[in-house]
């Protein structure tokens, strides 16, 4: 992965282009340029992991930073304040948007380039990794004439990709679809997309008020960020509109709590909310080199406790020329919760958190992200270690799941990511 360039003889323009193109071909999501006292460390994020890519010598560090700022449309004379820019380019026939941001730090300007490739969002929702049961739930909900559907997860977990795929599913000539986004990340034919511009007063809330007078069937809100947007979105969904949006929460239960904290009236929330799709991303096993291995007693205990299944063999990463350390790409782990009348009543009546958790998970209504991940491990799509890496035991599991918590609680001592340690050691090269 580490790359050497001939900085003395190769033009800096070509070096910058080569770094970006090579990162795109390696499926990187971000490129980091970190200034140090002696050089500029270049790292790329592949499948969620930062990897050392190159070291730019001090003599050409400033020229490289200037070149990036020029093609991103930034002010090259200003290095004291953060700046944002954008680049559009084609790599191997794919249109890729690059979002560039600078941040002044003590050793110079740190630059991060985010590579946005929305080709996955142009595919059908069936290709996003939903299990058959969860896919059936999602399509059933999308066929409803009104209500609010939320896609939740942390930053970088693929929420936008999922929402765009859902919009593609709904995008027919008989529907008037309007979105409010900041920014508009991908333009889709047949959909009316509004770019938020807070500096002139075009906020999410103001745009939503105007959209409701445009006879929409479907409204997509890029993100519910504040109380006013949350309340308008919920009211829009109970007045005959299907509303899609995203929220930065971990699972169905915390999403309900967040909306209540945003001063959404419980009686409206109980009526409007139709589904919550929570997701996280983990690395996908390379199908060319993965190999099976026997499960350990610890792993058998987790499978038995979580799924009630005796699993003797699972797959592990190996590594080949087609992947990086046995992984190629990422796959989403999903939790799809459809509201039933019991859950609606519990929300309206301000039921305790543990009761709502029981209604969501213990009734068989919803499979947790952990369950979905373990099924994908059995199917050879990802590894056991990867699933445990993205699971938050305290947040995802309730007190009634003490046996499963105890089975998982020692995971930090069982799997230590050596790659991260190696990367930190090489930063000083």
Protein backbone atom coordinates (compact mmCIF):
# COMPACT_ATOMS: atom_id res chain seq x y z
CA UNK A 1 0.00 0.00 0.00
CA UNK A 2 2.89 2.41 0.77
CA UNK A 3 3.77 4.39 -2.37
CA UNK A 4 6.96 6.22 -3.33
CA UNK A 5 6.93 9.20 -5.71
CA UNK A 6 9.85 10.92 -7.43
CA UNK A 7 9.21 14.30 -5.81
CA UNK A 8 12.41 15.82 -7.22
CA UNK A 9 11.62 15.16 -10.88
CA UNK A 10 7.87 14.52 -11.17
CA UNK A 11 5.60 17.59 -11.49
CA UNK A 12 3.52 18.23 -8.36
CA UNK A 13 0.40 18.45 -10.57
CA UNK A 14 0.91 14.84 -11.68
CA UNK A 15 1.65 13.66 -8.13
CA UNK A 16 -1.61 15.13 -6.79
CA UNK A 17 -3.58 13.60 -9.66
CA UNK A 18 -1.92 10.22 -9.15
CA UNK A 19 -2.69 10.21 -5.41
CA UNK A 20 -6.37 10.99 -5.97
CA UNK A 21 -6.81 8.53 -8.85
CA UNK A 22 -4.98 5.72 -7.05
CA UNK A 23 -7.03 6.32 -3.88
CA UNK A 24 -10.25 6.14 -5.91
CA UNK A 25 -9.16 2.88 -7.53
CA UNK A 26 -8.39 1.43 -4.11
CA UNK A 27 -11.98 2.32 -3.06
CA UNK A 28 -10.77 4.84 -0.47
CA UNK A 29 -13.41 7.03 1.15
CA UNK A 30 -10.99 9.73 2.40
CA UNK A 31 -7.46 11.01 1.81
CA UNK A 32 -5.69 12.68 4.76
CA UNK A 33 -2.74 15.04 4.36
CA UNK A 34 -1.25 15.50 7.85
CA UNK A 35 1.55 18.07 8.29
CA UNK A 36 4.36 17.20 10.69
CA UNK A 37 7.53 19.15 11.58
CA UNK A 38 9.53 17.27 8.92
CA UNK A 39 7.11 16.13 6.20
CA UNK A 40 3.50 15.66 5.06
CA UNK A 41 2.03 12.26 5.95
CA UNK A 42 -0.54 10.98 3.46
CA UNK A 43 -3.05 8.39 4.67
CA UNK A 44 -6.07 6.89 2.92
CA UNK A 45 -9.14 5.36 4.53
CA UNK A 46 -10.03 2.02 2.95
CA UNK A 47 -13.01 0.07 4.27
CA UNK A 48 -13.14 2.35 7.30
CA UNK A 49 -9.46 1.96 8.27
CA UNK A 50 -6.75 4.61 7.87
CA UNK A 51 -3.65 3.27 6.12
CA UNK A 52 -0.28 4.95 5.61
CA UNK A 53 0.04 5.76 1.91
CA UNK A 54 2.99 8.14 1.37
CA UNK A 55 5.34 10.66 2.96
CA UNK A 56 5.79 13.98 1.17
CA UNK A 57 9.14 15.68 1.95
CA UNK A 58 9.26 19.14 3.49
CA UNK A 59 10.64 20.69 0.28
CA UNK A 60 7.46 20.07 -1.72
CA UNK A 61 4.91 20.03 1.09
CA UNK A 62 3.73 23.59 0.55
CA UNK A 63 3.49 23.18 -3.22
CA UNK A 64 1.34 20.05 -2.87
CA UNK A 65 -1.05 21.76 -0.44
CA UNK A 66 -1.30 24.79 -2.75
CA UNK A 67 -2.10 22.58 -5.74
CA UNK A 68 -4.95 20.88 -3.90
CA UNK A 69 -6.36 24.24 -2.83
CA UNK A 70 -6.22 25.56 -6.41
CA UNK A 71 -8.17 22.67 -7.95
CA UNK A 72 -10.67 22.79 -5.04
CA UNK A 73 -11.36 26.48 -5.69
CA UNK A 74 -9.95 27.71 -2.39
CA UNK A 75 -8.10 30.89 -1.50
CA UNK A 76 -4.41 29.93 -1.66
CA UNK A 77 -3.30 33.08 0.17
CA UNK A 78 -5.34 32.24 3.27
CA UNK A 79 -3.97 29.57 5.60
CA UNK A 80 -5.17 30.84 8.97
CA UNK A 81 -8.84 29.81 8.79
CA UNK A 82 -10.58 26.57 7.70
CA UNK A 83 -11.81 26.41 4.12
CA UNK A 84 -14.09 24.12 2.14
CA UNK A 85 -13.95 23.27 -1.55
CA UNK A 86 -14.98 20.68 -4.11
CA UNK A 87 -13.53 18.84 -7.10
CA UNK A 88 -15.31 16.85 -9.79
CA UNK A 89 -13.44 14.24 -11.80
CA UNK A 90 -13.79 10.95 -13.64
CA UNK A 91 -11.87 7.82 -12.69
CA UNK A 92 -12.20 4.79 -14.95
CA UNK A 93 -15.48 6.11 -16.30
CA UNK A 94 -16.97 6.80 -12.86
CA UNK A 95 -18.05 10.30 -11.86
CA UNK A 96 -16.58 11.07 -8.45
CA UNK A 97 -17.23 14.13 -6.29
CA UNK A 98 -14.44 15.20 -3.96
CA UNK A 99 -15.19 17.35 -0.91
CA UNK A 100 -12.07 19.13 0.31
CA UNK A 101 -11.60 20.76 3.70
CA UNK A 102 -8.59 22.44 5.28
CA UNK A 103 -7.85 22.94 8.96
CA UNK A 104 -4.99 25.09 10.31
CA UNK A 105 -2.95 23.13 12.86
CA UNK A 106 0.35 23.91 14.55
CA UNK A 107 2.49 22.42 11.77
CA UNK A 108 0.57 23.80 8.80
CA UNK A 109 -2.71 23.04 7.04
CA UNK A 110 -4.29 19.62 7.39
CA UNK A 111 -6.31 18.67 4.32
CA UNK A 112 -8.92 15.95 4.07
CA UNK A 113 -10.42 14.95 0.73
CA UNK A 114 -13.63 12.91 0.92
CA UNK A 115 -14.31 10.82 -2.18
CA UNK A 116 -18.01 10.43 -2.88
CA UNK A 117 -19.00 7.71 -5.34
CA UNK A 118 -22.76 7.28 -5.40
CA UNK A 119 -22.86 4.49 -7.95
CA UNK A 120 -24.12 2.16 -5.19
CA UNK A 121 -27.03 4.51 -4.53
CA UNK A 122 -28.09 4.23 -8.17
CA UNK A 123 -28.57 0.50 -7.77
CA UNK A 124 -31.74 -1.13 -6.50
CA UNK A 125 -32.51 -1.30 -2.82
CA UNK A 126 -32.24 -5.08 -3.11
CA UNK A 127 -28.46 -4.77 -3.53
CA UNK A 128 -27.78 -2.95 -0.24
CA UNK A 129 -27.28 -6.10 1.85
CA UNK A 130 -30.68 -6.33 3.55
CA UNK A 131 -31.67 -9.79 4.70
CA UNK A 132 -34.81 -11.18 3.06
CA UNK A 133 -36.88 -10.40 6.16
CA UNK A 134 -35.56 -6.86 6.54
CA UNK A 135 -35.92 -6.14 2.81
CA UNK A 136 -39.54 -7.23 2.94
CA UNK A 137 -40.11 -4.85 5.87
CA UNK A 138 -38.48 -1.92 4.07
CA UNK A 139 -40.47 -2.38 0.85
CA UNK A 140 -43.69 -2.82 2.83
CA UNK A 141 -43.05 0.49 4.59
CA UNK A 142 -42.15 2.33 1.38
CA UNK A 143 -45.51 1.33 -0.05
CA UNK A 144 -47.36 3.23 2.69
CA UNK A 145 -48.98 6.51 1.56
CA UNK A 146 -47.80 8.51 4.59
CA UNK A 147 -45.72 8.36 7.74
CA UNK A 148 -42.08 8.94 8.57
CA UNK A 149 -39.23 6.52 7.85
CA UNK A 150 -35.89 7.19 9.53
CA UNK A 151 -32.45 5.84 8.60
CA UNK A 152 -30.10 6.10 11.57
CA UNK A 153 -26.44 5.52 12.28
CA UNK A 154 -23.19 7.32 12.97
CA UNK A 155 -21.37 9.45 10.40
CA UNK A 156 -20.05 7.35 7.53
CA UNK A 157 -22.36 4.36 7.98
CA UNK A 158 -24.02 4.67 4.57
CA UNK A 159 -27.24 6.44 5.56
CA UNK A 160 -27.26 8.63 2.44
CA UNK A 161 -26.71 5.61 0.18
CA UNK A 162 -29.69 3.84 1.76
CA UNK A 163 -31.94 6.90 1.52
CA UNK A 164 -31.03 7.51 -2.13
CA UNK A 165 -31.74 3.87 -2.96
CA UNK A 166 -35.14 4.23 -1.29
CA UNK A 167 -35.83 7.36 -3.33
CA UNK A 168 -34.91 5.46 -6.48
CA UNK A 169 -37.46 2.79 -5.52
CA UNK A 170 -40.15 5.47 -5.09
CA UNK A 171 -39.17 7.51 -8.15
CA UNK A 172 -42.09 7.06 -10.55
CA UNK A 173 -43.98 9.49 -12.80
CA UNK A 174 -47.01 9.30 -10.50
CA UNK A 175 -45.15 10.67 -7.46
CA UNK A 176 -44.03 14.21 -6.72
CA UNK A 177 -40.80 13.77 -4.74
CA UNK A 178 -39.06 16.77 -3.17
CA UNK A 179 -35.86 16.69 -1.10
CA UNK A 180 -34.22 19.21 1.21
CA UNK A 181 -30.48 18.57 1.53
CA UNK A 182 -27.31 20.19 2.79
CA UNK A 183 -25.57 19.62 0.48
CA UNK A 184 -27.34 17.97 -2.47
CA UNK A 185 -24.97 15.02 -2.70
CA UNK A 186 -26.29 13.38 -5.88
CA UNK A 187 -28.64 14.75 -8.53
CA UNK A 188 -31.40 12.32 -9.55
CA UNK A 189 -33.62 12.77 -12.60
CA UNK A 190 -37.29 12.99 -11.74
CA UNK A 191 -36.71 14.28 -8.20
CA UNK A 192 -36.97 17.94 -7.14
CA UNK A 193 -33.97 18.68 -4.92
CA UNK A 194 -33.57 21.80 -2.76
CA UNK A 195 -30.15 22.96 -1.58
CA UNK A 196 -30.21 24.46 1.92
CA UNK A 197 -28.53 27.90 2.16
CA UNK A 198 -28.64 29.02 5.75
CA UNK A 199 -26.79 32.26 4.98
CA UNK A 200 -29.82 33.60 3.08
CA UNK A 201 -32.41 32.09 5.41
CA UNK A 202 -33.17 28.94 3.39
CA UNK A 203 -32.96 26.50 6.30
CA UNK A 204 -34.38 23.00 6.57
CA UNK A 205 -37.39 24.32 8.48
CA UNK A 206 -38.13 27.21 6.08
CA UNK A 207 -37.72 24.98 3.02
CA UNK A 208 -40.07 22.39 4.52
CA UNK A 209 -42.79 24.97 5.04
CA UNK A 210 -42.64 25.92 1.37
CA UNK A 211 -42.45 22.31 0.20
CA UNK A 212 -45.73 21.51 1.90
CA UNK A 213 -47.39 23.98 -0.51
CA UNK A 214 -45.89 22.17 -3.53
CA UNK A 215 -48.28 19.18 -3.43
CA UNK A 216 -45.59 16.56 -2.59
CA UNK A 217 -46.21 12.84 -2.23
CA UNK A 218 -42.76 12.09 -0.81
CA UNK A 219 -40.46 14.42 1.13
CA UNK A 220 -36.84 13.61 1.91
CA UNK A 221 -35.05 15.64 4.58
CA UNK A 222 -31.27 15.20 4.43
CA UNK A 223 -30.95 15.16 8.21
CA UNK A 224 -33.11 16.01 11.22
CA UNK A 225 -30.75 18.30 13.14
CA UNK A 226 -32.94 20.48 15.35
CA UNK A 227 -36.25 20.62 17.18
CA UNK A 228 -38.06 22.74 14.60
CA UNK A 229 -37.15 20.45 11.68
CA UNK A 230 -38.17 17.37 13.69
CA UNK A 231 -41.59 18.81 14.56
CA UNK A 232 -42.32 19.96 10.99
CA UNK A 233 -41.23 16.58 9.59
CA UNK A 234 -43.52 14.68 11.94
CA UNK A 235 -46.46 16.97 11.20
CA UNK A 236 -45.87 16.63 7.46
CA UNK A 237 -45.98 12.85 7.78
CA UNK A 238 -49.38 12.82 9.49
CA UNK A 239 -50.95 15.15 6.91
CA UNK A 240 -50.68 12.69 4.03
CA UNK A 241 -46.99 12.73 3.09
CA UNK A 242 -44.35 10.01 3.18
CA UNK A 243 -41.26 11.51 4.83
CA UNK A 244 -37.75 10.02 4.67
CA UNK A 245 -34.90 11.35 6.75
CA UNK A 246 -31.75 10.47 8.71
CA UNK A 247 -30.83 10.87 12.38
CA UNK A 248 -27.47 10.35 14.11
CA UNK A 249 -28.47 7.65 16.60
CA UNK A 250 -27.38 4.05 17.15
CA UNK A 251 -30.59 2.02 17.17
CA UNK A 252 -34.38 2.14 17.22
CA UNK A 253 -34.72 2.79 20.94
CA UNK A 254 -32.27 5.70 21.06
CA UNK A 255 -33.94 7.19 17.95
CA UNK A 256 -37.28 7.36 19.75
CA UNK A 257 -35.59 8.95 22.77
CA UNK A 258 -33.81 11.52 20.56
CA UNK A 259 -37.06 12.62 18.87
CA UNK A 260 -38.77 12.98 22.24
CA UNK A 261 -35.80 15.07 23.43
CA UNK A 262 -36.36 17.26 20.33
CA UNK A 263 -39.75 18.21 21.79
CA UNK A 264 -41.78 16.15 19.33
CA UNK A 265 -45.12 15.51 21.00
CA UNK A 266 -45.48 11.87 21.96
CA UNK A 267 -48.98 11.54 20.56
CA UNK A 268 -47.75 12.80 17.17
CA UNK A 269 -44.64 10.62 17.22
CA UNK A 270 -46.68 7.53 18.04
CA UNK A 271 -48.99 8.24 15.10
CA UNK A 272 -46.41 9.35 12.52
CA UNK A 273 -43.45 7.03 12.94
CA UNK A 274 -43.64 4.01 10.63
CA UNK A 275 -40.15 2.51 10.60
CA UNK A 276 -36.61 3.01 11.85
CA UNK A 277 -33.74 1.51 9.85
CA UNK A 278 -30.51 1.46 11.87
CA UNK A 279 -27.25 0.45 10.22
CA UNK A 280 -23.52 0.15 10.69
CA UNK A 281 -20.78 -0.78 8.28
CA UNK A 282 -18.22 -3.53 8.72
CA UNK A 283 -15.56 -4.85 6.37
CA UNK A 284 -16.60 -7.51 3.86
CA UNK A 285 -14.61 -10.71 3.51
CA UNK A 286 -12.86 -11.14 0.17
CA UNK A 287 -14.72 -13.99 -1.57
CA UNK A 288 -11.56 -15.01 -3.46
CA UNK A 289 -9.37 -15.83 -0.49
CA UNK A 290 -11.60 -16.32 2.58
CA UNK A 291 -11.28 -19.72 4.23
CA UNK A 292 -13.31 -21.57 6.82
CA UNK A 293 -12.12 -22.35 10.32
CA UNK A 294 -13.61 -24.02 13.40
CA UNK A 295 -15.41 -21.73 15.84
CA UNK A 296 -13.87 -21.19 19.26
CA UNK A 297 -15.77 -22.04 22.48
CA UNK A 298 -16.26 -18.28 23.00
CA UNK A 299 -17.76 -17.84 19.53
CA UNK A 300 -20.00 -20.89 19.96
CA UNK A 301 -21.35 -19.41 23.17
CA UNK A 302 -22.18 -16.09 21.46
CA UNK A 303 -23.93 -17.80 18.52
CA UNK A 304 -25.89 -20.05 20.86
CA UNK A 305 -26.93 -17.23 23.18
CA UNK A 306 -27.83 -14.73 20.45
CA UNK A 307 -29.30 -16.97 17.76
CA UNK A 308 -29.90 -20.30 19.50
CA UNK A 309 -27.73 -21.97 16.85
CA UNK A 310 -24.78 -24.37 17.12
CA UNK A 311 -22.21 -23.11 14.64
CA UNK A 312 -19.15 -25.27 14.05
CA UNK A 313 -17.39 -23.37 11.22
CA UNK A 314 -17.14 -19.74 10.13
CA UNK A 315 -14.96 -17.87 7.63
CA UNK A 316 -11.81 -15.88 8.34
CA UNK A 317 -9.80 -13.33 6.29
CA UNK A 318 -6.64 -14.46 4.52
CA UNK A 319 -5.39 -11.84 2.06
CA UNK A 320 -4.64 -11.89 -1.67
CA UNK A 321 -3.86 -9.55 -4.57
CA UNK A 322 -7.54 -8.63 -4.92
CA UNK A 323 -8.04 -7.34 -1.35
CA UNK A 324 -6.38 -5.73 1.64
CA UNK A 325 -5.68 -8.08 4.56
CA UNK A 326 -8.52 -10.38 3.55
CA UNK A 327 -11.23 -7.75 3.20
CA UNK A 328 -12.69 -6.10 0.10
CA UNK A 329 -15.39 -3.48 0.46
CA UNK A 330 -17.89 -3.04 3.26
CA UNK A 331 -21.29 -4.46 4.07
CA UNK A 332 -24.10 -2.94 6.13
CA UNK A 333 -25.55 -4.54 9.25
CA UNK A 334 -29.20 -3.59 9.61
CA UNK A 335 -31.90 -3.34 12.22
CA UNK A 336 -35.35 -2.67 10.73
CA UNK A 337 -38.05 -1.84 13.26
CA UNK A 338 -41.68 -1.49 12.16
CA UNK A 339 -43.97 0.10 14.69
CA UNK A 340 -46.94 -1.93 15.84
CA UNK A 341 -49.80 -0.73 18.01
CA UNK A 342 -48.15 -1.85 21.25
CA UNK A 343 -45.02 0.21 20.53
CA UNK A 344 -47.15 3.22 19.50
CA UNK A 345 -49.13 3.02 22.75
CA UNK A 346 -45.92 2.74 24.79
CA UNK A 347 -44.50 5.89 23.13
CA UNK A 348 -47.70 7.86 23.63
CA UNK A 349 -48.07 6.75 27.26
CA UNK A 350 -44.43 7.56 28.15
CA UNK A 351 -43.62 3.94 29.00
CA UNK A 352 -40.24 3.19 30.65
CA UNK A 353 -37.26 2.67 28.39
CA UNK A 354 -36.94 -1.02 29.24
CA UNK A 355 -40.58 -1.70 28.40
CA UNK A 356 -40.19 -0.11 24.97
CA UNK A 357 -36.98 -2.13 24.49
CA UNK A 358 -38.90 -5.32 25.31
CA UNK A 359 -41.63 -4.45 22.83
CA UNK A 360 -39.06 -3.76 20.10
CA UNK A 361 -36.73 -6.73 20.56
CA UNK A 362 -38.25 -9.42 22.75
CA UNK A 363 -41.54 -9.80 20.89
CA UNK A 364 -39.81 -11.05 17.74
CA UNK A 365 -40.78 -7.81 16.01
CA UNK A 366 -37.17 -6.75 15.34
CA UNK A 367 -33.83 -8.49 14.83
CA UNK A 368 -30.97 -6.52 16.34
CA UNK A 369 -27.87 -5.34 14.50
CA UNK A 370 -25.92 -8.03 16.36
CA UNK A 371 -28.28 -10.77 15.12
CA UNK A 372 -28.04 -9.50 11.54
CA UNK A 373 -24.26 -9.36 11.80
CA UNK A 374 -23.95 -12.90 13.15
CA UNK A 375 -26.14 -14.23 10.33
CA UNK A 376 -23.81 -12.50 7.84
CA UNK A 377 -20.84 -14.16 9.60
CA UNK A 378 -22.48 -17.57 9.14
CA UNK A 379 -23.07 -16.76 5.46
CA UNK A 380 -19.40 -15.86 4.99
CA UNK A 381 -20.01 -12.18 4.22
CA UNK A 382 -17.95 -10.80 7.10
CA UNK A 383 -15.89 -12.02 10.04
CA UNK A 384 -16.82 -12.55 13.67
CA UNK A 385 -14.19 -9.99 14.75
CA UNK A 386 -15.65 -7.33 12.45
CA UNK A 387 -19.17 -7.72 13.83
CA UNK A 388 -17.97 -7.44 17.42
CA UNK A 389 -15.93 -4.35 16.50
CA UNK A 390 -19.03 -2.35 15.53
CA UNK A 391 -21.31 -3.56 18.35
CA UNK A 392 -21.74 -1.40 21.45
CA UNK A 393 -22.64 -3.87 24.20
CA UNK A 394 -23.92 -1.30 26.69
CA UNK A 395 -25.91 0.71 24.14
CA UNK A 396 -27.33 -2.12 22.04
CA UNK A 397 -28.27 -4.61 24.75
CA UNK A 398 -30.68 -4.15 27.65
CA UNK A 399 -30.56 -5.46 31.20
CA UNK A 400 -32.80 -8.38 30.24
CA UNK A 401 -30.03 -9.62 27.94
CA UNK A 402 -27.48 -10.14 30.71
CA UNK A 403 -26.51 -13.60 29.46
CA UNK A 404 -25.65 -12.25 26.02
CA UNK A 405 -23.88 -9.24 27.56
CA UNK A 406 -21.74 -11.57 29.64
CA UNK A 407 -20.94 -13.62 26.55
CA UNK A 408 -19.76 -10.50 24.73
CA UNK A 409 -18.20 -8.50 27.55
CA UNK A 410 -14.69 -9.93 27.16
CA UNK A 411 -14.39 -9.12 23.48
CA UNK A 412 -11.94 -6.23 23.97
CA UNK A 413 -9.39 -8.64 25.41
CA UNK A 414 -9.92 -11.25 22.73
CA UNK A 415 -9.30 -9.22 19.58
CA UNK A 416 -6.60 -6.58 19.37
CA UNK A 417 -6.27 -4.75 16.02
CA UNK A 418 -2.52 -5.03 15.33
CA UNK A 419 -2.87 -3.09 12.11
CA UNK A 420 -3.68 0.14 13.94
CA UNK A 421 -0.58 -0.24 16.12
CA UNK A 422 1.56 -0.80 13.03
CA UNK A 423 0.12 2.28 11.33
CA UNK A 424 0.85 4.49 14.34
CA UNK A 425 4.44 3.27 14.40
CA UNK A 426 4.94 4.10 10.73
CA UNK A 427 3.68 7.68 11.06
CA UNK A 428 7.13 8.76 12.18
CA UNK A 429 8.82 7.45 8.98
